């Protein structure tokens, strides 16, 4: 997967998490759990992007 595609997927996933973030702000604690999971997934995806960019640089 290209770095551009990886970043676009992160953007799409975070955009989808906005719905749950709004629900959380209104007091829905289950939505907060989904937001936390989305943030954890984003962190892992960001690390994958970093690894890919480093690998491309070293290639």
N, C-alpha and C. Protein backbone atom coordinates (compact mmCIF):
# COMPACT_ATOMS: atom_id res chain seq x y z
N UNK A 1 0.86 -1.18 0.00
CA UNK A 1 0.00 0.00 0.00
C UNK A 1 0.90 1.24 0.00
N UNK A 2 0.54 2.22 -0.79
CA UNK A 2 1.35 3.44 -0.86
C UNK A 2 1.15 4.28 0.39
N UNK A 3 2.11 5.12 0.66
CA UNK A 3 2.02 6.00 1.82
C UNK A 3 0.81 6.92 1.66
N UNK A 4 0.58 7.39 0.44
CA UNK A 4 -0.57 8.27 0.21
C UNK A 4 -1.87 7.55 0.56
N UNK A 5 -2.00 6.31 0.16
CA UNK A 5 -3.21 5.54 0.46
C UNK A 5 -3.34 5.29 1.97
N UNK A 6 -2.22 5.05 2.63
CA UNK A 6 -2.24 4.84 4.08
C UNK A 6 -2.74 6.09 4.80
N UNK A 7 -2.23 7.24 4.40
CA UNK A 7 -2.63 8.50 5.03
C UNK A 7 -4.10 8.79 4.72
N UNK A 8 -4.53 8.53 3.49
CA UNK A 8 -5.93 8.76 3.14
C UNK A 8 -6.85 7.88 3.96
N UNK A 9 -6.45 6.63 4.19
CA UNK A 9 -7.26 5.74 5.02
C UNK A 9 -7.37 6.27 6.44
N UNK A 10 -6.25 6.80 6.96
CA UNK A 10 -6.29 7.38 8.31
C UNK A 10 -7.27 8.55 8.34
N UNK A 11 -7.22 9.40 7.33
CA UNK A 11 -8.12 10.56 7.27
C UNK A 11 -9.57 10.09 7.23
N UNK A 12 -9.85 9.09 6.41
CA UNK A 12 -11.21 8.57 6.30
C UNK A 12 -11.69 7.98 7.63
N UNK A 13 -10.82 7.23 8.30
CA UNK A 13 -11.19 6.62 9.58
C UNK A 13 -11.44 7.69 10.65
N UNK A 14 -10.60 8.71 10.68
CA UNK A 14 -10.78 9.77 11.67
C UNK A 14 -12.03 10.59 11.38
N UNK A 15 -12.31 10.79 10.10
CA UNK A 15 -13.53 11.51 9.74
C UNK A 15 -14.76 10.73 10.20
N UNK A 16 -14.72 9.43 10.04
CA UNK A 16 -15.83 8.59 10.50
C UNK A 16 -15.96 8.66 12.03
N UNK A 17 -14.86 8.83 12.73
CA UNK A 17 -14.90 8.90 14.19
C UNK A 17 -15.52 10.20 14.69
N UNK A 18 -15.64 11.20 13.82
CA UNK A 18 -16.25 12.47 14.23
C UNK A 18 -17.69 12.28 14.70
N UNK A 19 -18.40 11.35 14.09
CA UNK A 19 -19.79 11.09 14.48
C UNK A 19 -19.83 10.63 15.93
N UNK A 20 -18.97 9.68 16.27
CA UNK A 20 -18.93 9.19 17.65
C UNK A 20 -18.41 10.26 18.60
N UNK A 21 -17.50 11.10 18.15
CA UNK A 21 -17.00 12.17 19.01
C UNK A 21 -18.13 13.13 19.37
N UNK A 22 -18.98 13.44 18.41
CA UNK A 22 -20.12 14.32 18.69
C UNK A 22 -21.08 13.65 19.67
N UNK A 23 -21.31 12.36 19.50
CA UNK A 23 -22.18 11.63 20.43
C UNK A 23 -21.58 11.63 21.83
N UNK A 24 -20.26 11.45 21.91
CA UNK A 24 -19.59 11.46 23.21
C UNK A 24 -19.75 12.81 23.89
N UNK A 25 -19.63 13.88 23.11
CA UNK A 25 -19.78 15.22 23.68
C UNK A 25 -21.18 15.45 24.24
N UNK A 26 -22.14 14.69 23.74
CA UNK A 26 -23.52 14.81 24.24
C UNK A 26 -23.79 13.86 25.41
N UNK A 27 -22.75 13.13 25.84
CA UNK A 27 -22.90 12.30 27.02
C UNK A 27 -22.98 10.81 26.78
N UNK A 28 -22.81 10.36 25.56
CA UNK A 28 -22.88 8.93 25.25
C UNK A 28 -21.52 8.28 25.54
N UNK A 29 -21.44 7.55 26.63
CA UNK A 29 -20.15 6.98 27.02
C UNK A 29 -19.71 5.85 26.10
N UNK A 30 -20.64 5.12 25.51
CA UNK A 30 -20.27 4.06 24.57
C UNK A 30 -19.58 4.65 23.34
N UNK A 31 -20.03 5.82 22.92
CA UNK A 31 -19.40 6.49 21.79
C UNK A 31 -17.97 6.89 22.16
N UNK A 32 -17.76 7.24 23.41
CA UNK A 32 -16.41 7.57 23.87
C UNK A 32 -15.47 6.38 23.75
N UNK A 33 -15.98 5.20 24.02
CA UNK A 33 -15.18 3.99 23.87
C UNK A 33 -14.79 3.79 22.42
N UNK A 34 -15.73 4.03 21.51
CA UNK A 34 -15.42 3.90 20.09
C UNK A 34 -14.41 4.94 19.63
N UNK A 35 -14.50 6.14 20.20
CA UNK A 35 -13.54 7.20 19.86
C UNK A 35 -12.14 6.79 20.34
N UNK A 36 -12.05 6.27 21.54
CA UNK A 36 -10.76 5.84 22.07
C UNK A 36 -10.16 4.75 21.19
N UNK A 37 -11.00 3.81 20.74
CA UNK A 37 -10.51 2.74 19.85
C UNK A 37 -10.03 3.34 18.52
N UNK A 38 -10.77 4.29 17.99
CA UNK A 38 -10.37 4.93 16.74
C UNK A 38 -9.03 5.65 16.91
N UNK A 39 -8.81 6.26 18.05
CA UNK A 39 -7.55 6.95 18.30
C UNK A 39 -6.40 5.95 18.42
N UNK A 40 -6.65 4.81 19.05
CA UNK A 40 -5.63 3.78 19.15
C UNK A 40 -5.28 3.22 17.78
N UNK A 41 -6.31 3.02 16.95
CA UNK A 41 -6.09 2.55 15.59
C UNK A 41 -5.30 3.58 14.78
N UNK A 42 -5.62 4.86 14.98
CA UNK A 42 -4.91 5.93 14.27
C UNK A 42 -3.45 5.96 14.68
N UNK A 43 -3.21 5.74 15.96
CA UNK A 43 -1.82 5.71 16.45
C UNK A 43 -1.04 4.58 15.77
N UNK A 44 -1.66 3.40 15.69
CA UNK A 44 -1.00 2.26 15.04
C UNK A 44 -0.80 2.52 13.55
N UNK A 45 -1.79 3.12 12.92
CA UNK A 45 -1.67 3.43 11.49
C UNK A 45 -0.57 4.45 11.25
N UNK A 46 -0.47 5.44 12.14
CA UNK A 46 0.59 6.45 12.00
C UNK A 46 1.96 5.80 12.14
N UNK A 47 2.08 4.85 13.03
CA UNK A 47 3.34 4.15 13.20
C UNK A 47 3.68 3.34 11.94
N UNK A 48 2.67 2.75 11.34
CA UNK A 48 2.88 2.00 10.09
C UNK A 48 3.36 2.94 8.98
N UNK A 49 2.79 4.14 8.92
CA UNK A 49 3.22 5.11 7.92
C UNK A 49 4.68 5.48 8.15
N UNK A 50 5.03 5.73 9.41
CA UNK A 50 6.41 6.08 9.74
C UNK A 50 7.37 4.97 9.31
N UNK A 51 7.00 3.72 9.59
CA UNK A 51 7.85 2.59 9.21
C UNK A 51 8.02 2.50 7.70
N UNK A 52 6.92 2.71 6.97
CA UNK A 52 6.98 2.63 5.51
C UNK A 52 7.84 3.74 4.94
N UNK A 53 7.70 4.95 5.45
CA UNK A 53 8.51 6.07 4.96
C UNK A 53 9.98 5.81 5.25
N UNK A 54 10.28 5.30 6.42
CA UNK A 54 11.67 4.98 6.78
C UNK A 54 12.22 3.89 5.87
N UNK A 55 11.41 2.88 5.60
CA UNK A 55 11.86 1.80 4.72
C UNK A 55 12.10 2.32 3.31
N UNK A 56 11.23 3.20 2.83
CA UNK A 56 11.41 3.79 1.50
C UNK A 56 12.68 4.63 1.46
N UNK A 57 12.94 5.34 2.54
CA UNK A 57 14.13 6.20 2.60
C UNK A 57 15.40 5.35 2.56
N UNK A 58 15.38 4.22 3.23
CA UNK A 58 16.55 3.37 3.32
C UNK A 58 16.74 2.45 2.12
N UNK A 59 15.74 2.39 1.27
CA UNK A 59 15.81 1.49 0.11
C UNK A 59 16.65 2.09 -1.02
